[in-house]
């Protein structure tokens, strides 16, 4: 989990830095496209959030799919 967050930060900061460097915003309203530092920070935050949320809730064993354990406890019958 920690490596996924770090990897997301690295990938996001590289992409954000490229967007910040190549962006042509001159007004200063957009932190992603106005300067490379803002792009790095914004990209790192977005990358960490995205990669940490992918497959975060998935577990190996789902209690809903295991009908035999549920029925053994509740004395239900299978069709």
N, C-alpha and C. Protein backbone atom coordinates (compact mmCIF):
# COMPACT_ATOMS: atom_id res chain seq x y z
N UNK A 1 0.82 -1.19 0.00
CA UNK A 1 0.00 0.00 0.00
C UNK A 1 0.87 1.26 0.00
N UNK A 2 1.91 1.25 0.82
CA UNK A 2 2.80 2.41 0.88
C UNK A 2 3.54 2.60 -0.45
N UNK A 3 3.97 1.49 -1.06
CA UNK A 3 4.67 1.61 -2.34
C UNK A 3 3.74 2.13 -3.42
N UNK A 4 2.46 1.77 -3.36
CA UNK A 4 1.50 2.27 -4.33
C UNK A 4 1.33 3.78 -4.18
N UNK A 5 1.29 4.28 -2.95
CA UNK A 5 1.15 5.72 -2.71
C UNK A 5 2.40 6.46 -3.19
N UNK A 6 3.57 5.91 -2.89
CA UNK A 6 4.83 6.54 -3.32
C UNK A 6 4.94 6.54 -4.83
N UNK A 7 4.59 5.41 -5.45
CA UNK A 7 4.64 5.32 -6.91
C UNK A 7 3.67 6.30 -7.56
N UNK A 8 2.49 6.44 -6.98
CA UNK A 8 1.52 7.42 -7.49
C UNK A 8 2.04 8.83 -7.37
N UNK A 9 2.72 9.13 -6.27
CA UNK A 9 3.29 10.46 -6.09
C UNK A 9 4.38 10.76 -7.10
N UNK A 10 5.21 9.77 -7.36
CA UNK A 10 6.30 9.96 -8.33
C UNK A 10 5.75 10.14 -9.74
N UNK A 11 4.85 9.26 -10.15
CA UNK A 11 4.28 9.35 -11.49
C UNK A 11 3.50 10.66 -11.66
N UNK A 12 2.69 10.99 -10.66
CA UNK A 12 1.92 12.23 -10.72
C UNK A 12 2.78 13.47 -10.74
N UNK A 13 3.88 13.47 -9.99
CA UNK A 13 4.74 14.65 -9.98
C UNK A 13 5.48 14.82 -11.30
N UNK A 14 5.86 13.72 -11.92
CA UNK A 14 6.51 13.83 -13.23
C UNK A 14 5.53 14.37 -14.27
N UNK A 15 4.33 13.80 -14.30
CA UNK A 15 3.33 14.27 -15.27
C UNK A 15 2.94 15.72 -14.97
N UNK A 16 2.73 16.04 -13.69
CA UNK A 16 2.38 17.42 -13.33
C UNK A 16 3.49 18.41 -13.64
N UNK A 17 4.75 17.99 -13.47
CA UNK A 17 5.87 18.86 -13.81
C UNK A 17 5.95 19.13 -15.30
N UNK A 18 5.68 18.11 -16.09
CA UNK A 18 5.68 18.30 -17.55
C UNK A 18 4.55 19.22 -17.96
N UNK A 19 3.37 19.02 -17.37
CA UNK A 19 2.24 19.90 -17.70
C UNK A 19 2.53 21.32 -17.23
N UNK A 20 3.11 21.47 -16.05
CA UNK A 20 3.44 22.80 -15.55
C UNK A 20 4.50 23.50 -16.38
N UNK A 21 5.45 22.74 -16.91
CA UNK A 21 6.49 23.33 -17.74
C UNK A 21 5.96 23.71 -19.12
N UNK A 22 5.12 22.82 -19.68
CA UNK A 22 4.62 23.06 -21.04
C UNK A 22 3.36 23.90 -21.05
N UNK A 23 2.72 24.11 -19.90
CA UNK A 23 1.48 24.89 -19.86
C UNK A 23 1.73 26.35 -20.18
N UNK A 24 0.77 26.95 -20.82
CA UNK A 24 0.92 28.34 -21.25
C UNK A 24 0.00 29.29 -20.49
N UNK A 25 -0.28 28.97 -19.24
CA UNK A 25 -1.13 29.83 -18.41
C UNK A 25 -0.28 30.98 -17.87
N UNK A 26 -0.73 32.19 -18.08
CA UNK A 26 0.03 33.34 -17.60
C UNK A 26 -0.69 34.11 -16.49
N UNK A 27 -1.96 33.81 -16.26
CA UNK A 27 -2.73 34.55 -15.29
C UNK A 27 -2.46 34.16 -13.85
N UNK A 28 -2.08 32.93 -13.61
CA UNK A 28 -1.80 32.48 -12.27
C UNK A 28 -2.97 31.81 -11.56
N UNK A 29 -4.08 31.62 -12.24
CA UNK A 29 -5.22 31.02 -11.60
C UNK A 29 -5.12 29.50 -11.51
N UNK A 30 -4.47 28.86 -12.42
CA UNK A 30 -4.41 27.39 -12.47
C UNK A 30 -3.08 26.92 -11.87
N UNK A 31 -3.12 26.24 -10.71
CA UNK A 31 -1.86 25.81 -10.11
C UNK A 31 -1.17 24.68 -10.86
N UNK A 32 -1.91 23.97 -11.70
CA UNK A 32 -1.31 22.86 -12.44
C UNK A 32 -0.52 23.34 -13.65
N UNK A 33 -1.04 24.31 -14.37
CA UNK A 33 -0.44 24.68 -15.65
C UNK A 33 0.36 25.97 -15.62
N UNK A 34 0.43 26.68 -14.50
CA UNK A 34 1.12 27.97 -14.49
C UNK A 34 2.62 27.85 -14.26
N UNK A 35 3.03 26.93 -13.40
CA UNK A 35 4.46 26.77 -13.16
C UNK A 35 4.76 25.31 -12.83
N UNK A 36 5.99 24.88 -13.03
CA UNK A 36 6.33 23.47 -12.80
C UNK A 36 6.19 23.04 -11.33
N UNK A 37 6.47 23.92 -10.39
CA UNK A 37 6.38 23.55 -8.97
C UNK A 37 4.93 23.26 -8.59
N UNK A 38 4.01 24.11 -9.01
CA UNK A 38 2.59 23.86 -8.77
C UNK A 38 2.11 22.60 -9.44
N UNK A 39 2.62 22.35 -10.64
CA UNK A 39 2.27 21.13 -11.36
C UNK A 39 2.78 19.88 -10.66
N UNK A 40 3.99 19.96 -10.12
CA UNK A 40 4.57 18.82 -9.39
C UNK A 40 3.76 18.51 -8.14
N UNK A 41 3.42 19.55 -7.39
CA UNK A 41 2.67 19.34 -6.14
C UNK A 41 1.27 18.82 -6.43
N UNK A 42 0.57 19.46 -7.37
CA UNK A 42 -0.77 19.03 -7.72
C UNK A 42 -0.78 17.64 -8.32
N UNK A 43 0.15 17.35 -9.20
CA UNK A 43 0.23 16.02 -9.81
C UNK A 43 0.56 14.93 -8.81
N UNK A 44 1.43 15.24 -7.85
CA UNK A 44 1.78 14.25 -6.82
C UNK A 44 0.57 13.92 -5.96
N UNK A 45 -0.20 14.94 -5.58
CA UNK A 45 -1.38 14.70 -4.75
C UNK A 45 -2.42 13.89 -5.52
N UNK A 46 -2.68 14.26 -6.75
CA UNK A 46 -3.66 13.53 -7.56
C UNK A 46 -3.18 12.10 -7.81
N UNK A 47 -1.91 11.91 -8.12
CA UNK A 47 -1.37 10.57 -8.35
C UNK A 47 -1.45 9.68 -7.13
N UNK A 48 -1.13 10.23 -5.96
CA UNK A 48 -1.22 9.45 -4.72
C UNK A 48 -2.66 9.05 -4.42
N UNK A 49 -3.58 9.97 -4.62
CA UNK A 49 -4.98 9.65 -4.36
C UNK A 49 -5.52 8.60 -5.33
N UNK A 50 -5.16 8.73 -6.60
CA UNK A 50 -5.66 7.78 -7.58
C UNK A 50 -5.11 6.37 -7.37
N UNK A 51 -3.80 6.27 -7.20
CA UNK A 51 -3.23 4.93 -7.06
C UNK A 51 -3.54 4.29 -5.71
N UNK A 52 -3.77 5.09 -4.68
CA UNK A 52 -4.12 4.48 -3.40
C UNK A 52 -5.57 4.02 -3.38
N UNK A 53 -6.42 4.59 -4.24
CA UNK A 53 -7.82 4.19 -4.25
C UNK A 53 -8.09 3.00 -5.15
N UNK A 54 -7.20 2.68 -6.06
CA UNK A 54 -7.41 1.54 -6.95
C UNK A 54 -7.21 0.26 -6.17
N UNK A 55 -8.21 -0.61 -6.19
CA UNK A 55 -8.22 -1.91 -5.51
C UNK A 55 -8.03 -1.78 -4.00
N UNK A 56 -8.35 -0.66 -3.41
CA UNK A 56 -8.17 -0.50 -1.98
C UNK A 56 -9.23 -1.27 -1.20
N UNK A 57 -10.43 -1.38 -1.72
CA UNK A 57 -11.50 -2.06 -1.00
C UNK A 57 -11.63 -3.52 -1.34
N UNK A 58 -10.85 -4.04 -2.25
CA UNK A 58 -10.98 -5.42 -2.69
C UNK A 58 -10.20 -6.34 -1.76
N UNK A 59 -10.84 -7.42 -1.33
CA UNK A 59 -10.15 -8.41 -0.51
C UNK A 59 -10.15 -9.74 -1.25
N UNK A 60 -9.38 -10.68 -0.76
CA UNK A 60 -9.27 -11.98 -1.42
C UNK A 60 -10.52 -12.83 -1.23
N UNK A 61 -11.18 -12.73 -0.12
CA UNK A 61 -12.33 -13.56 0.17
C UNK A 61 -13.54 -12.69 0.45
N UNK A 62 -14.59 -12.89 -0.33
CA UNK A 62 -15.80 -12.12 -0.15
C UNK A 62 -16.82 -12.96 0.61
N UNK A 63 -17.36 -12.46 1.72
CA UNK A 63 -18.32 -13.24 2.48
C UNK A 63 -19.65 -13.43 1.75
N UNK A 64 -19.99 -12.58 0.80
CA UNK A 64 -21.24 -12.72 0.07
C UNK A 64 -21.20 -13.88 -0.92
N UNK A 65 -20.03 -14.21 -1.45
CA UNK A 65 -19.92 -15.27 -2.43
C UNK A 65 -19.76 -16.64 -1.79
N UNK A 66 -19.54 -16.71 -0.52
CA UNK A 66 -19.32 -17.99 0.16
C UNK A 66 -20.62 -18.46 0.80
N UNK A 67 -21.46 -19.14 0.01
CA UNK A 67 -22.79 -19.53 0.47
C UNK A 67 -22.73 -20.65 1.50
N UNK A 68 -21.72 -21.49 1.45
CA UNK A 68 -21.68 -22.62 2.38
C UNK A 68 -21.44 -22.16 3.81
N UNK A 69 -20.60 -21.16 4.01
CA UNK A 69 -20.38 -20.66 5.36
C UNK A 69 -21.60 -19.94 5.91
N UNK A 70 -22.28 -19.18 5.07
CA UNK A 70 -23.47 -18.46 5.53
C UNK A 70 -24.59 -19.43 5.86
N UNK A 71 -24.75 -20.45 5.05
CA UNK A 71 -25.84 -21.40 5.28
C UNK A 71 -25.55 -22.30 6.46
N UNK A 72 -24.31 -22.62 6.72
CA UNK A 72 -23.99 -23.48 7.85
C UNK A 72 -24.33 -22.80 9.17
N UNK A 73 -24.18 -21.50 9.21
CA UNK A 73 -24.47 -20.77 10.42
C UNK A 73 -25.95 -20.52 10.59
N UNK A 74 -26.70 -20.43 9.49
CA UNK A 74 -28.12 -20.08 9.56
C UNK A 74 -29.04 -21.25 9.27
N UNK A 75 -28.52 -22.44 9.03
CA UNK A 75 -29.31 -23.65 8.71
C UNK A 75 -30.23 -23.44 7.52
N UNK A 76 -29.72 -22.86 6.46
CA UNK A 76 -30.51 -22.70 5.25
C UNK A 76 -30.22 -23.84 4.29
N UNK A 77 -31.09 -24.03 3.30
CA UNK A 77 -30.95 -25.13 2.34
C UNK A 77 -30.65 -24.55 0.97
N UNK A 78 -29.79 -25.27 0.23
CA UNK A 78 -29.46 -24.87 -1.15
C UNK A 78 -30.48 -25.46 -2.09
N UNK A 79 -30.69 -24.76 -3.21
CA UNK A 79 -31.62 -25.28 -4.24
C UNK A 79 -30.93 -26.32 -5.08
